[in-house]
Amino acid sequence: MVPQRQKPGRRAYLDGNFARRKLPLRDHEYCIWDTQLPGFGLRVRPSGKYYWFVRLRHRGKHRRTSLGCTRDVDAELARTQARRLLAEVALDGLPKRAVAKATPIMADYVDTYWTDLARCWKPSTASRNIGAWRRDLAPVFGAMHVTDVTPADVMRWRDDCAGQAEARFNRAVPVLAALFKYAEALHLRRKGSNPCRGTPRYKRDPCERYLLPLEFRRLSAALREDEPTHPTEVAVIRMLLFTGARASEIRDLKWEWVKPPHLALPDSKTGPKVIWLNSQALGVLEAQPRREGCPFVFPNVGGTKPVALDIWWYQFRRKCALPDVRIHDLRHSFASTAIMDGVPLATIGKLLGHLLTETTAKYAHLSDDVIADAACRVSGGLARSIGLSS
């Protein structure tokens, strides 16, 4: 078996630099052939996406095998795969593998998945799912055919993630499961064949972290000290403390959504949301200067986008001797403080914007002292009721 002869022209050395170029687009697909490896090429689609492929000929018949999208498969990996396929077919040692598959490889199939389903997602969901595919899934499953992935392949990937990548596995495996669920709907896999079914996720220690009164005072003092140099970042943290909102809900806040006595967010993790403002939160908003032409309440220095918190918070939390506290823990602390003050769980759920009471319950990280005090009060009341205490 030998590679099919290519047409003259449209030739280049296909490496990563070439694949990153902005190639001219046409109203139909065209190919660029590699100058060093016969049969290895790059397809340029009208959509602007590029795909590696290898073209083979055997006993008068030829076929084209896709090696994946350039975004997911780098040039060297694609070239190596092309050499392997050329060698296998030339030796004719694996004739069954020389037959074109009826189903696409995963790297091609995901384009259909994104096109059909991503328009229904929130931008943050789309970004997270696409990131999980490119970072964690494409290197493992991208070159495999949709029908070829087995539960053993998924478990092997799980084992490879043991240790440092367990959290990434837990986030990526639902994306993979959804890909195969849709493949079943498209009849690319038989019903009930999802290879992710029954794959256990790694158990993670729950992050039950909330601030104690002494830590609140330490945080407050550090905020006052840092305010002259980082006023916007400090204002965001105070708003999170006073409202219990998610970091993105305050960081991305726009002036048009500020409608005292509440914030009216057009969208959030759980859909449109109202965040009620107390006097302290209103004071923070009133102190924020408005910039002409800037829609954000808490913008970056240039006023072009919301302020970035991650790097500053990493340094700041060490300054106030709270190195293990995440920004999201401020939301935990808001809920826990409310619970310890006797605020009903349903009311806290409304303040946090939860749809389910079960979601609010996970924030009830009561300290041992509060639990012990509650136990004493309950037992004392029972004792008085049955006459065992005066």
Protein backbone atom coordinates (compact mmCIF):
# COMPACT_ATOMS: atom_id res chain seq x y z
CA MET A 1 0.00 0.00 0.00
CA VAL A 2 1.38 3.41 -0.94
CA PRO A 3 0.22 6.95 -0.38
CA GLN A 4 -1.86 8.40 -3.17
CA ARG A 5 -0.04 10.88 -5.37
CA GLN A 6 -0.99 14.44 -4.51
CA LYS A 7 -1.81 17.19 -6.93
CA PRO A 8 0.94 19.72 -7.56
CA GLY A 9 0.89 22.88 -5.46
CA ARG A 10 -0.68 23.39 -2.05
CA ARG A 11 2.39 21.96 -0.36
CA ALA A 12 4.16 23.07 2.82
CA TYR A 13 6.00 21.64 5.78
CA LEU A 14 3.15 21.01 8.20
CA ASP A 15 4.29 21.83 11.71
CA GLY A 16 2.76 23.65 14.64
CA ASN A 17 3.77 27.07 13.35
CA PHE A 18 2.06 26.44 10.02
CA ALA A 19 -1.11 25.16 11.73
CA ARG A 20 -1.31 28.37 13.78
CA ARG A 21 -1.29 30.56 10.68
CA LYS A 22 -4.43 32.27 9.48
CA LEU A 23 -4.91 30.44 6.19
CA PRO A 24 -7.22 31.76 3.46
CA LEU A 25 -10.74 30.37 3.64
CA ARG A 26 -12.80 29.26 0.65
CA ASP A 27 -16.40 28.31 0.17
CA HIS A 28 -15.32 24.68 -0.02
CA GLU A 29 -12.81 22.49 1.81
CA TYR A 30 -9.27 22.24 0.45
CA CYS A 31 -6.12 20.35 1.41
CA ILE A 32 -2.48 21.24 1.97
CA TRP A 33 0.02 18.39 1.65
CA ASP A 34 3.18 17.91 3.66
CA THR A 35 6.49 18.26 1.81
CA GLN A 36 8.27 15.55 3.84
CA LEU A 37 5.74 12.81 4.62
CA PRO A 38 3.74 11.67 1.56
CA GLY A 39 0.07 11.22 2.36
CA PHE A 40 0.12 13.51 5.40
CA GLY A 41 -2.01 16.60 4.98
CA LEU A 42 -4.08 19.38 6.48
CA ARG A 43 -7.74 20.01 5.64
CA VAL A 44 -8.91 23.64 5.75
CA ARG A 45 -12.66 23.91 6.20
CA PRO A 46 -14.81 26.95 5.33
CA SER A 47 -15.55 27.31 9.05
CA GLY A 48 -11.89 28.16 9.69
CA LYS A 49 -11.05 24.90 11.43
CA TYR A 50 -8.05 22.80 10.39
CA TYR A 51 -7.82 19.00 10.57
CA TRP A 52 -4.87 16.66 10.21
CA PHE A 53 -5.36 13.60 8.01
CA VAL A 54 -3.46 10.89 6.18
CA ARG A 55 -4.48 9.56 2.76
CA LEU A 56 -3.66 5.97 1.81
CA ARG A 57 -4.06 3.75 -1.24
CA HIS A 58 -4.25 -0.02 -1.23
CA ARG A 59 -4.96 -2.37 -4.14
CA GLY A 60 -6.54 0.36 -6.19
CA LYS A 61 -8.64 1.72 -3.33
CA HIS A 62 -7.87 4.76 -1.25
CA ARG A 63 -9.21 6.25 1.93
CA ARG A 64 -8.64 9.27 4.12
CA THR A 65 -8.23 8.94 7.88
CA SER A 66 -8.71 11.96 10.11
CA LEU A 67 -6.12 12.50 12.83
CA GLY A 68 -7.94 15.24 14.72
CA CYS A 69 -8.38 18.99 14.89
CA THR A 70 -5.24 21.14 15.15
CA ARG A 71 -6.61 22.67 18.35
CA ASP A 72 -6.64 19.26 20.05
CA VAL A 73 -3.82 17.32 18.37
CA ASP A 74 -0.40 18.92 17.90
CA ALA A 75 1.58 18.57 14.68
CA GLU A 76 4.17 16.10 15.96
CA LEU A 77 1.54 13.74 17.36
CA ALA A 78 -0.42 13.86 14.11
CA ARG A 79 2.75 13.21 12.08
CA THR A 80 3.63 10.25 14.30
CA GLN A 81 0.14 8.80 13.92
CA ALA A 82 0.33 9.24 10.14
CA ARG A 83 3.67 7.39 9.97
CA ARG A 84 2.25 4.56 12.06
CA LEU A 85 -0.80 4.16 9.83
CA LEU A 86 1.32 4.27 6.68
CA ALA A 87 3.64 1.59 8.07
CA GLU A 88 0.80 -0.68 9.23
CA VAL A 89 -0.99 -0.56 5.91
CA ALA A 90 2.23 -0.96 3.91
CA LEU A 91 3.00 -4.14 5.84
CA ASP A 92 -0.65 -5.21 5.53
CA GLY A 93 -0.32 -6.81 8.93
CA LEU A 94 -3.57 -5.38 10.26
CA PRO A 95 -6.02 -5.48 7.35
CA LYS A 96 -9.07 -4.84 9.56
CA ARG A 97 -7.61 -1.57 10.73
CA ALA A 98 -7.14 -0.53 7.13
CA VAL A 99 -10.90 -0.39 6.68
CA ALA A 100 -12.38 3.02 7.25
CA LYS A 101 -14.52 3.31 10.37
CA ALA A 102 -18.18 4.16 9.96
CA THR A 103 -18.08 6.42 13.02
CA PRO A 104 -15.86 9.49 13.45
CA ILE A 105 -12.99 9.84 15.83
CA MET A 106 -13.71 11.71 19.04
CA ALA A 107 -11.80 14.83 17.93
CA ASP A 108 -14.15 15.19 14.95
CA TYR A 109 -17.30 14.20 16.82
CA VAL A 110 -16.90 16.89 19.49
CA ASP A 111 -17.38 19.57 16.83
CA THR A 112 -20.87 18.20 16.23
CA TYR A 113 -21.50 18.11 19.98
CA TRP A 114 -20.42 21.73 20.53
CA THR A 115 -22.41 22.94 17.52
CA ASP A 116 -25.60 21.18 18.59
CA LEU A 117 -25.54 21.73 22.35
CA ALA A 118 -23.19 24.57 23.37
CA ARG A 119 -25.64 27.26 22.25
CA CYS A 120 -27.91 26.18 25.12
CA TRP A 121 -25.19 26.61 27.76
CA LYS A 122 -24.15 29.60 29.78
CA PRO A 123 -20.84 31.09 28.57
CA SER A 124 -19.10 29.93 31.75
CA THR A 125 -20.41 26.38 31.26
CA ALA A 126 -19.27 26.31 27.65
CA SER A 127 -15.82 27.60 28.59
CA ARG A 128 -15.48 25.03 31.39
CA ASN A 129 -16.60 22.08 29.24
CA ILE A 130 -14.46 23.01 26.25
CA GLY A 131 -11.50 23.53 28.56
CA ALA A 132 -12.00 20.09 30.10
CA TRP A 133 -12.05 18.52 26.64
CA ARG A 134 -8.92 20.25 25.39
CA ARG A 135 -6.91 19.90 28.58
CA ASP A 136 -7.92 16.50 29.96
CA LEU A 137 -9.92 14.48 27.41
CA ALA A 138 -8.53 15.20 23.93
CA PRO A 139 -4.98 13.96 24.74
CA VAL A 140 -6.44 10.62 25.89
CA PHE A 141 -9.48 10.02 23.68
CA GLY A 142 -9.13 12.45 20.77
CA ALA A 143 -7.69 9.96 18.26
CA MET A 144 -10.04 7.10 19.22
CA HIS A 145 -13.20 6.31 17.28
CA VAL A 146 -16.44 7.02 19.11
CA THR A 147 -17.39 3.32 19.09
CA ASP A 148 -13.97 2.14 20.24
CA VAL A 149 -13.88 3.74 23.70
CA THR A 150 -14.57 1.11 26.37
CA PRO A 151 -15.09 1.20 30.15
CA ALA A 152 -11.56 -0.19 30.46
CA ASP A 153 -10.21 2.87 28.61
CA VAL A 154 -12.05 5.19 30.98
CA MET A 155 -10.82 3.30 34.05
CA ARG A 156 -7.27 3.36 32.71
CA TRP A 157 -7.52 7.14 32.36
CA ARG A 158 -8.92 7.32 35.90
CA ASP A 159 -5.95 5.37 37.24
CA ASP A 160 -3.55 7.68 35.40
CA CYS A 161 -5.16 10.65 37.17
CA ALA A 162 -4.56 9.23 40.65
CA GLY A 163 -2.77 11.67 42.91
CA GLN A 164 -2.29 15.14 41.48
CA ALA A 165 -5.08 15.08 38.86
CA GLU A 166 -7.98 13.59 40.82
CA ALA A 167 -9.95 16.84 40.97
CA ARG A 168 -9.49 17.36 37.23
CA PHE A 169 -10.77 13.83 36.59
CA ASN A 170 -13.87 14.49 38.69
CA ARG A 171 -14.61 17.63 36.67
CA ALA A 172 -13.87 16.10 33.25
CA VAL A 173 -15.62 12.72 33.50
CA PRO A 174 -19.15 14.24 33.42
CA VAL A 175 -18.18 16.01 30.19
CA LEU A 176 -17.02 12.70 28.70
CA ALA A 177 -20.19 10.96 29.86
CA ALA A 178 -22.33 13.67 28.24
CA LEU A 179 -20.41 13.26 24.97
CA PHE A 180 -21.23 9.55 24.86
CA LYS A 181 -24.84 10.11 25.90
CA TYR A 182 -25.31 12.38 22.89
CA ALA A 183 -23.45 9.89 20.69
CA GLU A 184 -26.10 7.32 21.64
CA ALA A 185 -28.82 9.80 20.68
CA LEU A 186 -27.17 10.21 17.27
CA HIS A 187 -26.90 6.40 16.90
CA LEU A 188 -23.11 6.60 16.85
CA ARG A 189 -23.09 4.15 19.78
CA ARG A 190 -25.69 1.59 20.75
CA LYS A 191 -28.10 2.50 23.54
CA GLY A 192 -26.83 1.84 27.04
CA SER A 193 -23.18 1.57 25.98
CA ASN A 194 -21.88 4.71 27.70
CA PRO A 195 -18.37 3.67 28.87
CA CYS A 196 -18.49 6.16 31.74
CA ARG A 197 -21.42 4.41 33.41
CA GLY A 198 -20.38 3.10 36.80
CA THR A 199 -17.00 4.87 36.79
CA PRO A 200 -16.45 6.05 40.37
CA ARG A 201 -15.21 9.55 41.01
CA TYR A 202 -12.41 10.19 43.46
CA LYS A 203 -13.57 11.01 46.95
CA ARG A 204 -12.49 14.48 47.96
CA ASP A 205 -12.26 15.82 51.49
CA PRO A 206 -15.06 18.38 51.94
CA CYS A 207 -13.81 21.96 52.22
CA GLU A 208 -15.64 22.82 55.43
CA ARG A 209 -13.87 26.14 56.03
CA TYR A 210 -15.50 29.17 57.58
CA LEU A 211 -14.11 32.14 59.44
CA LEU A 212 -14.13 32.32 63.22
CA PRO A 213 -14.74 35.66 65.02
CA LEU A 214 -11.00 36.19 65.57
CA GLU A 215 -10.32 35.50 61.89
CA PHE A 216 -13.02 37.97 60.86
CA ARG A 217 -11.28 40.66 62.92
CA ARG A 218 -7.92 39.76 61.40
CA LEU A 219 -9.37 39.91 57.91
CA SER A 220 -11.05 43.25 58.58
CA ALA A 221 -7.81 44.79 59.85
CA ALA A 222 -5.90 43.54 56.81
CA LEU A 223 -8.55 44.98 54.47
CA ARG A 224 -8.22 48.41 56.07
CA GLU A 225 -4.45 48.22 55.73
CA ASP A 226 -4.60 47.20 52.06
CA GLU A 227 -7.34 49.62 51.02
CA PRO A 228 -5.07 52.55 50.01
CA THR A 229 -3.20 50.42 47.43
CA HIS A 230 -5.98 48.05 46.30
CA PRO A 231 -9.31 49.85 46.87
CA THR A 232 -11.29 47.95 44.23
CA GLU A 233 -10.19 44.50 45.39
CA VAL A 234 -10.94 45.42 49.01
CA ALA A 235 -14.39 46.70 48.03
CA VAL A 236 -15.21 43.40 46.28
CA ILE A 237 -14.22 41.37 49.36
CA ARG A 238 -16.36 43.55 51.61
CA MET A 239 -19.34 43.12 49.30
CA LEU A 240 -18.85 39.35 49.41
CA LEU A 241 -18.72 39.43 53.21
CA PHE A 242 -21.88 41.55 53.47
CA THR A 243 -23.99 39.75 50.84
CA GLY A 244 -22.82 36.12 50.72
CA ALA A 245 -22.82 36.37 46.92
CA ARG A 246 -20.62 34.34 44.60
CA ALA A 247 -17.35 35.99 43.62
CA SER A 248 -18.31 36.24 39.94
CA GLU A 249 -21.64 37.89 40.81
CA ILE A 250 -19.91 40.81 42.52
CA ARG A 251 -16.74 40.96 40.44
CA ASP A 252 -18.71 41.16 37.17
CA LEU A 253 -21.38 43.50 38.55
CA LYS A 254 -22.58 46.30 36.24
CA TRP A 255 -24.10 49.61 37.29
CA GLU A 256 -27.29 48.90 35.37
CA TRP A 257 -27.94 45.94 37.69
CA VAL A 258 -27.71 48.07 40.85
CA LYS A 259 -31.30 48.80 41.90
CA PRO A 260 -31.31 49.59 45.65
CA PRO A 261 -32.28 47.96 47.92
CA HIS A 262 -31.10 45.03 45.83
CA LEU A 263 -29.01 43.91 42.87
CA ALA A 264 -30.97 42.51 39.92
CA LEU A 265 -28.66 40.12 38.08
CA PRO A 266 -30.01 39.06 34.66
CA ASP A 267 -28.16 35.76 34.95
CA SER A 268 -26.21 33.72 37.48
CA LYS A 269 -25.36 30.10 38.19
CA THR A 270 -29.03 29.47 38.98
CA GLY A 271 -30.56 31.93 36.48
CA PRO A 272 -31.81 35.50 37.12
CA LYS A 273 -31.10 36.47 40.71
CA VAL A 274 -31.89 39.16 43.26
CA ILE A 275 -29.24 39.97 45.88
CA TRP A 276 -30.58 41.99 48.80
CA LEU A 277 -28.37 44.78 50.09
CA ASN A 278 -27.91 45.72 53.74
CA SER A 279 -26.69 49.16 54.81
CA GLN A 280 -23.04 48.03 54.82
CA ALA A 281 -23.24 46.74 51.25
CA LEU A 282 -25.01 49.91 50.12
CA GLY A 283 -22.21 51.92 51.71
CA VAL A 284 -19.61 50.01 49.69
CA LEU A 285 -21.50 50.67 46.44
CA GLU A 286 -22.00 54.37 47.20
CA ALA A 287 -18.25 54.75 47.76
CA GLN A 288 -17.39 53.27 44.36
CA PRO A 289 -16.47 55.94 41.78
CA ARG A 290 -18.19 55.77 38.40
CA ARG A 291 -15.98 55.89 35.31
CA GLU A 292 -17.29 57.40 32.12
CA GLY A 293 -17.90 54.72 29.51
CA CYS A 294 -17.20 51.89 31.98
CA PRO A 295 -20.19 49.66 32.80
CA PHE A 296 -18.50 47.75 35.63
CA VAL A 297 -18.87 48.62 39.31
CA PHE A 298 -15.51 47.03 40.14
CA PRO A 299 -13.33 47.48 37.02
CA ASN A 300 -9.65 46.86 36.47
CA VAL A 301 -7.19 49.76 36.26
CA GLY A 302 -7.90 50.34 32.58
CA GLY A 303 -11.66 50.17 33.07
CA THR A 304 -12.00 47.62 30.27
CA LYS A 305 -13.11 44.55 32.26
CA PRO A 306 -13.83 43.39 35.82
CA VAL A 307 -10.99 43.47 38.32
CA ALA A 308 -8.92 40.27 38.65
CA LEU A 309 -8.77 38.89 42.17
CA ASP A 310 -6.85 35.62 42.08
CA ILE A 311 -3.24 36.84 42.32
CA TRP A 312 -4.06 39.62 44.75
CA TRP A 313 -6.08 37.29 47.00
CA TYR A 314 -3.29 34.70 47.06
CA GLN A 315 -0.89 37.33 48.42
CA PHE A 316 -3.44 39.07 50.63
CA ARG A 317 -4.62 35.97 52.51
CA ARG A 318 -1.05 35.23 53.53
CA LYS A 319 -0.66 38.79 54.76
CA CYS A 320 -3.58 38.31 57.16
CA ALA A 321 -2.40 34.82 58.21
CA LEU A 322 -5.29 32.99 56.50
CA PRO A 323 -3.37 31.03 53.85
CA ASP A 324 -6.01 28.31 53.46
CA VAL A 325 -9.03 30.58 53.02
CA ARG A 326 -10.52 30.72 49.51
CA ILE A 327 -12.69 33.57 48.29
CA HIS A 328 -15.64 31.15 48.15
CA ASP A 329 -15.16 30.48 51.87
CA LEU A 330 -16.51 33.99 52.51
CA ARG A 331 -19.84 32.71 51.19
CA HIS A 332 -19.59 29.71 53.52
CA SER A 333 -18.88 32.10 56.38
CA PHE A 334 -21.88 34.29 55.57
CA ALA A 335 -24.19 31.26 55.65
CA SER A 336 -22.63 29.79 58.78
CA THR A 337 -22.84 33.10 60.64
CA ALA A 338 -26.50 33.42 59.72
CA ILE A 339 -27.24 29.87 60.88
CA MET A 340 -25.46 30.42 64.19
CA ASP A 341 -27.52 33.61 64.64
CA GLY A 342 -30.70 31.57 64.30
CA VAL A 343 -31.73 32.64 60.80
CA PRO A 344 -33.97 29.92 59.28
CA LEU A 345 -32.40 27.74 56.63
CA ALA A 346 -35.07 28.70 54.07
CA THR A 347 -34.31 32.40 54.55
CA ILE A 348 -30.59 31.80 54.15
CA GLY A 349 -31.31 29.91 50.95
CA LYS A 350 -33.19 32.95 49.62
CA LEU A 351 -30.30 35.24 50.52
CA LEU A 352 -27.78 32.96 48.81
CA GLY A 353 -29.98 32.38 45.77
CA HIS A 354 -30.30 28.63 46.23
CA LEU A 355 -33.10 26.77 44.48
CA LEU A 356 -32.98 23.75 46.81
CA THR A 357 -32.91 23.59 50.61
CA GLU A 358 -30.41 20.72 50.34
CA THR A 359 -27.94 23.10 48.71
CA THR A 360 -28.17 25.51 51.62
CA ALA A 361 -27.69 22.74 54.17
CA LYS A 362 -24.13 22.07 53.01
CA TYR A 363 -23.15 25.57 54.14
CA ALA A 364 -24.21 24.86 57.70
CA HIS A 365 -20.68 24.18 58.93
CA LEU A 366 -21.48 24.75 62.59
CA SER A 367 -18.61 24.84 65.04
CA ASP A 368 -18.39 22.23 67.78
CA ASP A 369 -19.12 24.86 70.42
CA VAL A 370 -22.40 25.83 68.76
CA ILE A 371 -23.43 22.17 68.39
CA ALA A 372 -22.58 21.47 72.02
CA ASP A 373 -24.53 24.54 73.15
CA ALA A 374 -27.54 23.47 71.08
CA ALA A 375 -27.39 19.98 72.60
CA CYS A 376 -27.32 21.42 76.12
CA ARG A 377 -30.28 23.70 75.43
CA VAL A 378 -32.34 20.87 73.93
CA SER A 379 -31.53 18.42 76.72
CA GLY A 380 -32.17 21.11 79.34
CA GLY A 381 -35.59 21.82 77.87
CA LEU A 382 -36.46 18.14 77.82
CA ALA A 383 -35.29 17.71 81.41
CA ARG A 384 -37.51 20.55 82.58
CA SER A 385 -40.45 19.12 80.65
CA ILE A 386 -40.25 15.75 82.39
CA GLY A 387 -39.52 17.19 85.82
CA LEU A 388 -35.87 16.21 86.14
CA SER A 389 -34.68 19.78 86.52
CA SER A 390 -35.90 22.68 88.54
